[in-house]
């Protein structure tokens, strides 16, 4: 792993964790900074979400704490493109998540996210 790859991993992890925090999720300007203009999400239910739909959802979300996360893995797919996978545990529910981040602008921006419920 190069120093640049390690730096990208640190920045992407911080950005992903920020998007999980209630404070960031309620700050639409901050979420706009972190989500790429062409962002798409496939939610745990299988529904496809656009950037604007996610922005509306997060601002009105009633979440008091960030979920517990573990099993983080970072994979460089190409120069400036990082795949992140991790697990979220919220009470008795467990889900697996993956995100694709672009880091070429100097600021990580999430391009795609998918959450899948675990059985």
N, C-alpha and C. Protein backbone atom coordinates (compact mmCIF):
# COMPACT_ATOMS: atom_id res chain seq x y z
N UNK A 1 0.86 -1.18 0.00
CA UNK A 1 0.00 0.00 0.00
C UNK A 1 0.90 1.24 0.00
N UNK A 2 0.59 2.17 -0.89
CA UNK A 2 1.36 3.41 -0.96
C UNK A 2 0.86 4.38 0.11
N UNK A 3 1.65 5.43 0.34
CA UNK A 3 1.23 6.46 1.30
C UNK A 3 -0.07 7.13 0.84
N UNK A 4 -0.22 7.34 -0.48
CA UNK A 4 -1.43 7.96 -1.00
C UNK A 4 -2.64 7.07 -0.75
N UNK A 5 -2.50 5.77 -0.97
CA UNK A 5 -3.60 4.83 -0.72
C UNK A 5 -3.98 4.83 0.75
N UNK A 6 -2.98 4.84 1.62
CA UNK A 6 -3.26 4.86 3.06
C UNK A 6 -3.97 6.16 3.45
N UNK A 7 -3.54 7.27 2.88
CA UNK A 7 -4.18 8.57 3.15
C UNK A 7 -5.63 8.55 2.66
N UNK A 8 -5.86 8.00 1.46
CA UNK A 8 -7.22 7.89 0.93
C UNK A 8 -8.09 7.06 1.87
N UNK A 9 -7.57 5.93 2.38
CA UNK A 9 -8.32 5.08 3.30
C UNK A 9 -8.73 5.84 4.55
N UNK A 10 -7.80 6.62 5.11
CA UNK A 10 -8.08 7.39 6.33
C UNK A 10 -9.17 8.43 6.05
N UNK A 11 -9.04 9.15 4.93
CA UNK A 11 -10.02 10.19 4.60
C UNK A 11 -11.39 9.58 4.29
N UNK A 12 -11.41 8.48 3.56
CA UNK A 12 -12.67 7.83 3.21
C UNK A 12 -13.34 7.27 4.45
N UNK A 13 -12.58 6.65 5.33
CA UNK A 13 -13.18 6.12 6.57
C UNK A 13 -13.79 7.25 7.39
N UNK A 14 -13.08 8.37 7.52
CA UNK A 14 -13.61 9.51 8.27
C UNK A 14 -14.89 10.04 7.63
N UNK A 15 -14.92 10.10 6.30
CA UNK A 15 -16.11 10.59 5.59
C UNK A 15 -17.29 9.62 5.76
N UNK A 16 -17.01 8.32 5.65
CA UNK A 16 -18.08 7.32 5.81
C UNK A 16 -18.65 7.38 7.23
N UNK A 17 -17.78 7.46 8.22
CA UNK A 17 -18.22 7.55 9.61
C UNK A 17 -19.02 8.84 9.83
N UNK A 18 -18.58 9.92 9.21
CA UNK A 18 -19.32 11.18 9.32
C UNK A 18 -20.74 11.01 8.80
N UNK A 19 -20.89 10.31 7.67
CA UNK A 19 -22.23 10.11 7.11
C UNK A 19 -23.11 9.22 7.99
N UNK A 20 -22.53 8.49 8.88
CA UNK A 20 -23.31 7.66 9.82
C UNK A 20 -23.73 8.44 11.07
N UNK A 21 -23.11 9.58 11.31
CA UNK A 21 -23.40 10.33 12.54
C UNK A 21 -24.65 11.19 12.38
N UNK A 22 -25.49 11.24 13.41
CA UNK A 22 -26.71 12.04 13.35
C UNK A 22 -26.43 13.52 13.07
N UNK A 23 -25.36 14.06 13.61
CA UNK A 23 -25.05 15.48 13.43
C UNK A 23 -24.80 15.79 11.95
N UNK A 24 -24.01 14.95 11.29
CA UNK A 24 -23.74 15.16 9.87
C UNK A 24 -25.00 14.95 9.06
N UNK A 25 -25.76 13.93 9.36
CA UNK A 25 -26.95 13.59 8.57
C UNK A 25 -27.98 14.71 8.61
N UNK A 26 -28.03 15.47 9.69
CA UNK A 26 -28.97 16.60 9.79
C UNK A 26 -28.44 17.86 9.10
N UNK A 27 -27.17 17.86 8.71
CA UNK A 27 -26.53 19.02 8.08
C UNK A 27 -26.50 18.81 6.56
N UNK A 28 -27.53 19.29 5.88
CA UNK A 28 -27.64 19.02 4.44
C UNK A 28 -26.46 19.56 3.65
N UNK A 29 -25.89 20.67 4.08
CA UNK A 29 -24.72 21.22 3.36
C UNK A 29 -23.53 20.26 3.46
N UNK A 30 -23.32 19.69 4.62
CA UNK A 30 -22.21 18.73 4.80
C UNK A 30 -22.47 17.46 4.01
N UNK A 31 -23.69 16.97 4.02
CA UNK A 31 -24.01 15.77 3.26
C UNK A 31 -23.81 16.03 1.77
N UNK A 32 -24.21 17.20 1.28
CA UNK A 32 -23.98 17.57 -0.12
C UNK A 32 -22.50 17.53 -0.48
N UNK A 33 -21.64 17.96 0.44
CA UNK A 33 -20.19 17.93 0.21
C UNK A 33 -19.69 16.50 0.06
N UNK A 34 -20.28 15.58 0.82
CA UNK A 34 -19.79 14.20 0.86
C UNK A 34 -20.38 13.31 -0.23
N UNK A 35 -21.55 13.66 -0.75
CA UNK A 35 -22.18 12.84 -1.78
C UNK A 35 -21.89 13.43 -3.16
N UNK A 36 -21.41 12.59 -4.05
CA UNK A 36 -21.15 12.97 -5.44
C UNK A 36 -22.46 13.41 -6.09
N UNK A 37 -22.38 14.31 -7.07
CA UNK A 37 -23.59 14.78 -7.75
C UNK A 37 -24.39 13.64 -8.37
N UNK A 38 -23.70 12.57 -8.79
CA UNK A 38 -24.36 11.42 -9.42
C UNK A 38 -24.55 10.26 -8.45
N UNK A 39 -24.58 10.55 -7.16
CA UNK A 39 -24.74 9.54 -6.13
C UNK A 39 -26.03 8.74 -6.32
N UNK A 40 -25.93 7.44 -6.06
CA UNK A 40 -27.08 6.53 -6.05
C UNK A 40 -26.91 5.57 -4.87
N UNK A 41 -28.01 5.21 -4.25
CA UNK A 41 -27.98 4.22 -3.18
C UNK A 41 -29.02 3.15 -3.46
N UNK A 42 -28.64 1.91 -3.16
CA UNK A 42 -29.58 0.81 -3.11
C UNK A 42 -29.73 0.48 -1.62
N UNK A 43 -30.89 0.77 -1.06
CA UNK A 43 -31.11 0.60 0.37
C UNK A 43 -31.28 -0.84 0.77
N UNK A 44 -31.32 -1.08 2.08
CA UNK A 44 -31.48 -2.44 2.60
C UNK A 44 -32.77 -3.09 2.12
N UNK A 45 -33.77 -2.28 1.78
CA UNK A 45 -35.04 -2.83 1.29
C UNK A 45 -34.99 -3.17 -0.20
N UNK A 46 -33.92 -2.73 -0.88
CA UNK A 46 -33.81 -2.93 -2.31
C UNK A 46 -34.23 -1.71 -3.12
N UNK A 47 -34.71 -0.68 -2.43
CA UNK A 47 -35.14 0.53 -3.11
C UNK A 47 -33.94 1.33 -3.60
N UNK A 48 -34.07 1.92 -4.79
CA UNK A 48 -33.04 2.80 -5.34
C UNK A 48 -33.34 4.23 -4.88
N UNK A 49 -32.31 4.92 -4.39
CA UNK A 49 -32.43 6.29 -3.91
C UNK A 49 -31.52 7.21 -4.72
N UNK A 50 -32.01 8.39 -5.06
CA UNK A 50 -31.17 9.40 -5.70
C UNK A 50 -30.53 10.28 -4.62
N UNK A 51 -29.60 11.09 -5.02
CA UNK A 51 -28.95 12.02 -4.08
C UNK A 51 -29.97 12.92 -3.41
N UNK A 52 -30.87 13.52 -4.17
CA UNK A 52 -31.86 14.43 -3.60
C UNK A 52 -32.80 13.71 -2.64
N UNK A 53 -33.20 12.48 -2.97
CA UNK A 53 -34.07 11.72 -2.07
C UNK A 53 -33.36 11.42 -0.75
N UNK A 54 -32.09 11.06 -0.83
CA UNK A 54 -31.32 10.77 0.39
C UNK A 54 -31.16 12.03 1.23
N UNK A 55 -30.89 13.16 0.58
CA UNK A 55 -30.77 14.42 1.32
C UNK A 55 -32.05 14.73 2.08
N UNK A 56 -33.20 14.58 1.43
CA UNK A 56 -34.48 14.82 2.10
C UNK A 56 -34.70 13.85 3.25
N UNK A 57 -34.36 12.59 3.04
CA UNK A 57 -34.56 11.57 4.07
C UNK A 57 -33.68 11.84 5.30
N UNK A 58 -32.40 12.12 5.07
CA UNK A 58 -31.47 12.28 6.19
C UNK A 58 -31.78 13.49 7.05
N UNK A 59 -32.16 14.59 6.44
CA UNK A 59 -32.45 15.80 7.19
C UNK A 59 -33.60 15.59 8.16
N UNK A 60 -34.54 14.73 7.79
CA UNK A 60 -35.72 14.49 8.62
C UNK A 60 -35.63 13.21 9.45
N UNK A 61 -34.50 12.55 9.40
CA UNK A 61 -34.33 11.29 10.13
C UNK A 61 -34.29 11.51 11.63
N UNK A 62 -34.87 10.59 12.36
CA UNK A 62 -34.87 10.66 13.82
C UNK A 62 -33.91 9.62 14.37
N UNK A 63 -32.64 9.96 14.39
CA UNK A 63 -31.61 9.04 14.88
C UNK A 63 -30.80 9.79 15.95
N UNK A 64 -30.62 9.18 17.11
CA UNK A 64 -29.92 9.87 18.19
C UNK A 64 -28.45 9.49 18.30
N UNK A 65 -28.07 8.36 17.71
CA UNK A 65 -26.67 7.92 17.81
C UNK A 65 -26.26 7.19 16.54
N UNK A 66 -24.98 7.23 16.25
CA UNK A 66 -24.45 6.50 15.10
C UNK A 66 -24.50 5.00 15.42
N UNK A 67 -24.70 4.18 14.41
CA UNK A 67 -24.74 2.74 14.65
C UNK A 67 -23.35 2.18 14.94
N UNK A 68 -23.31 1.02 15.53
CA UNK A 68 -22.05 0.32 15.78
C UNK A 68 -21.57 -0.27 14.45
N UNK A 69 -20.30 -0.07 14.14
CA UNK A 69 -19.73 -0.60 12.89
C UNK A 69 -18.48 -1.42 13.19
N UNK A 70 -18.20 -2.38 12.31
CA UNK A 70 -16.96 -3.15 12.41
C UNK A 70 -16.68 -3.82 11.07
N UNK A 71 -15.65 -4.61 11.02
CA UNK A 71 -15.24 -5.38 9.84
C UNK A 71 -14.97 -4.50 8.62
N UNK A 72 -14.31 -3.37 8.84
CA UNK A 72 -14.00 -2.43 7.76
C UNK A 72 -12.93 -3.01 6.83
N UNK A 73 -13.19 -2.89 5.51
CA UNK A 73 -12.22 -3.30 4.49
C UNK A 73 -12.19 -2.20 3.42
N UNK A 74 -10.98 -1.81 3.02
CA UNK A 74 -10.80 -0.79 2.00
C UNK A 74 -10.05 -1.42 0.83
N UNK A 75 -10.59 -1.24 -0.38
CA UNK A 75 -9.97 -1.80 -1.57
C UNK A 75 -9.88 -0.71 -2.63
N UNK A 76 -8.67 -0.44 -3.11
CA UNK A 76 -8.53 0.53 -4.19
C UNK A 76 -8.91 -0.17 -5.50
N UNK A 77 -9.96 0.34 -6.16
CA UNK A 77 -10.43 -0.24 -7.41
C UNK A 77 -9.67 0.32 -8.61
N UNK A 78 -9.28 1.57 -8.50
CA UNK A 78 -8.51 2.28 -9.53
C UNK A 78 -7.92 3.50 -8.84
N UNK A 79 -7.06 4.21 -9.52
CA UNK A 79 -6.48 5.41 -8.92
C UNK A 79 -7.61 6.37 -8.54
N UNK A 80 -7.70 6.71 -7.26
CA UNK A 80 -8.71 7.65 -6.80
C UNK A 80 -10.10 7.07 -6.62
N UNK A 81 -10.23 5.74 -6.63
CA UNK A 81 -11.54 5.09 -6.44
C UNK A 81 -11.38 4.00 -5.38
N UNK A 82 -12.11 4.14 -4.28
CA UNK A 82 -11.98 3.22 -3.15
C UNK A 82 -13.32 2.56 -2.85
N UNK A 83 -13.30 1.24 -2.73
CA UNK A 83 -14.46 0.47 -2.29
C UNK A 83 -14.31 0.24 -0.79
N UNK A 84 -15.36 0.53 -0.04
CA UNK A 84 -15.38 0.33 1.41
C UNK A 84 -16.49 -0.66 1.71
N UNK A 85 -16.19 -1.65 2.54
CA UNK A 85 -17.22 -2.56 3.03
C UNK A 85 -17.12 -2.62 4.54
N UNK A 86 -18.27 -2.78 5.20
CA UNK A 86 -18.30 -2.87 6.66
C UNK A 86 -19.63 -3.44 7.09
N UNK A 87 -19.72 -3.73 8.38
CA UNK A 87 -20.93 -4.28 8.97
C UNK A 87 -21.50 -3.27 9.95
N UNK A 88 -22.83 -3.17 9.98
CA UNK A 88 -23.53 -2.34 10.97
C UNK A 88 -24.38 -3.27 11.83
N UNK A 89 -24.32 -3.03 13.15
CA UNK A 89 -25.17 -3.75 14.09
C UNK A 89 -25.99 -2.72 14.85
N UNK A 90 -27.32 -2.83 14.72
CA UNK A 90 -28.25 -1.94 15.43
C UNK A 90 -29.24 -2.82 16.16
N UNK A 91 -29.01 -2.97 17.46
CA UNK A 91 -29.86 -3.86 18.24
C UNK A 91 -29.70 -5.29 17.75
N UNK A 92 -30.82 -5.93 17.38
CA UNK A 92 -30.77 -7.30 16.89
C UNK A 92 -30.56 -7.37 15.37
N UNK A 93 -30.58 -6.20 14.69
CA UNK A 93 -30.41 -6.17 13.24
C UNK A 93 -28.96 -6.01 12.84
N UNK A 94 -28.59 -6.74 11.82
CA UNK A 94 -27.23 -6.67 11.27
C UNK A 94 -27.36 -6.45 9.76
N UNK A 95 -26.51 -5.60 9.22
CA UNK A 95 -26.51 -5.38 7.78
C UNK A 95 -25.09 -5.17 7.29
N UNK A 96 -24.87 -5.49 6.04
CA UNK A 96 -23.59 -5.31 5.37
C UNK A 96 -23.72 -4.11 4.43
N UNK A 97 -22.67 -3.31 4.37
CA UNK A 97 -22.70 -2.10 3.56
C UNK A 97 -21.46 -2.01 2.69
N UNK A 98 -21.66 -1.42 1.52
CA UNK A 98 -20.53 -1.15 0.63
C UNK A 98 -20.73 0.22 0.01
N UNK A 99 -19.63 0.93 -0.16
CA UNK A 99 -19.65 2.27 -0.74
C UNK A 99 -18.49 2.40 -1.71
N UNK A 100 -18.72 3.16 -2.75
CA UNK A 100 -17.64 3.51 -3.67
C UNK A 100 -17.40 5.00 -3.54
N UNK A 101 -16.15 5.35 -3.26
CA UNK A 101 -15.74 6.73 -3.05
C UNK A 101 -14.76 7.17 -4.12
N UNK A 102 -14.93 8.39 -4.60
CA UNK A 102 -13.95 9.02 -5.48
C UNK A 102 -13.12 9.98 -4.64
N UNK A 103 -11.81 9.91 -4.80
CA UNK A 103 -10.91 10.75 -4.00
C UNK A 103 -10.06 11.68 -4.86
N UNK A 104 -10.34 11.75 -6.14
CA UNK A 104 -9.48 12.52 -7.06
C UNK A 104 -9.57 14.02 -6.86
N UNK A 105 -10.66 14.52 -6.28
CA UNK A 105 -10.81 15.97 -6.08
C UNK A 105 -10.11 16.46 -4.82
N UNK A 106 -9.51 15.54 -4.06
CA UNK A 106 -8.87 15.92 -2.80
C UNK A 106 -9.81 15.77 -1.62
N UNK A 107 -11.11 15.75 -1.88
CA UNK A 107 -12.12 15.54 -0.85
C UNK A 107 -12.90 14.29 -1.25
N UNK A 108 -12.97 13.29 -0.38
CA UNK A 108 -13.71 12.07 -0.74
C UNK A 108 -15.19 12.39 -0.98
N UNK A 109 -15.72 11.81 -2.04
CA UNK A 109 -17.14 11.97 -2.36
C UNK A 109 -17.72 10.60 -2.69
N UNK A 110 -18.79 10.25 -1.96
CA UNK A 110 -19.42 8.95 -2.16
C UNK A 110 -20.20 8.96 -3.47
N UNK A 111 -19.91 7.97 -4.30
CA UNK A 111 -20.57 7.85 -5.60
C UNK A 111 -21.71 6.84 -5.55
N UNK A 112 -21.55 5.78 -4.73
CA UNK A 112 -22.54 4.71 -4.66
C UNK A 112 -22.51 4.10 -3.27
N UNK A 113 -23.69 3.69 -2.80
CA UNK A 113 -23.79 2.98 -1.51
C UNK A 113 -24.86 1.91 -1.62
N UNK A 114 -24.59 0.76 -0.99
CA UNK A 114 -25.59 -0.30 -0.91
C UNK A 114 -25.56 -0.91 0.47
N UNK A 115 -26.75 -1.13 1.03
CA UNK A 115 -26.89 -1.82 2.29
C UNK A 115 -27.71 -3.09 2.08
N UNK A 116 -27.30 -4.18 2.72
CA UNK A 116 -27.99 -5.45 2.58
C UNK A 116 -28.21 -6.04 3.96
N UNK A 117 -29.44 -6.40 4.27
CA UNK A 117 -29.73 -7.03 5.56
C UNK A 117 -29.05 -8.39 5.64
N UNK A 118 -28.54 -8.70 6.81
CA UNK A 118 -27.95 -10.02 7.06
C UNK A 118 -28.97 -10.88 7.78
N UNK A 119 -28.96 -12.15 7.49
CA UNK A 119 -29.87 -13.07 8.18
C UNK A 119 -29.18 -13.75 9.32
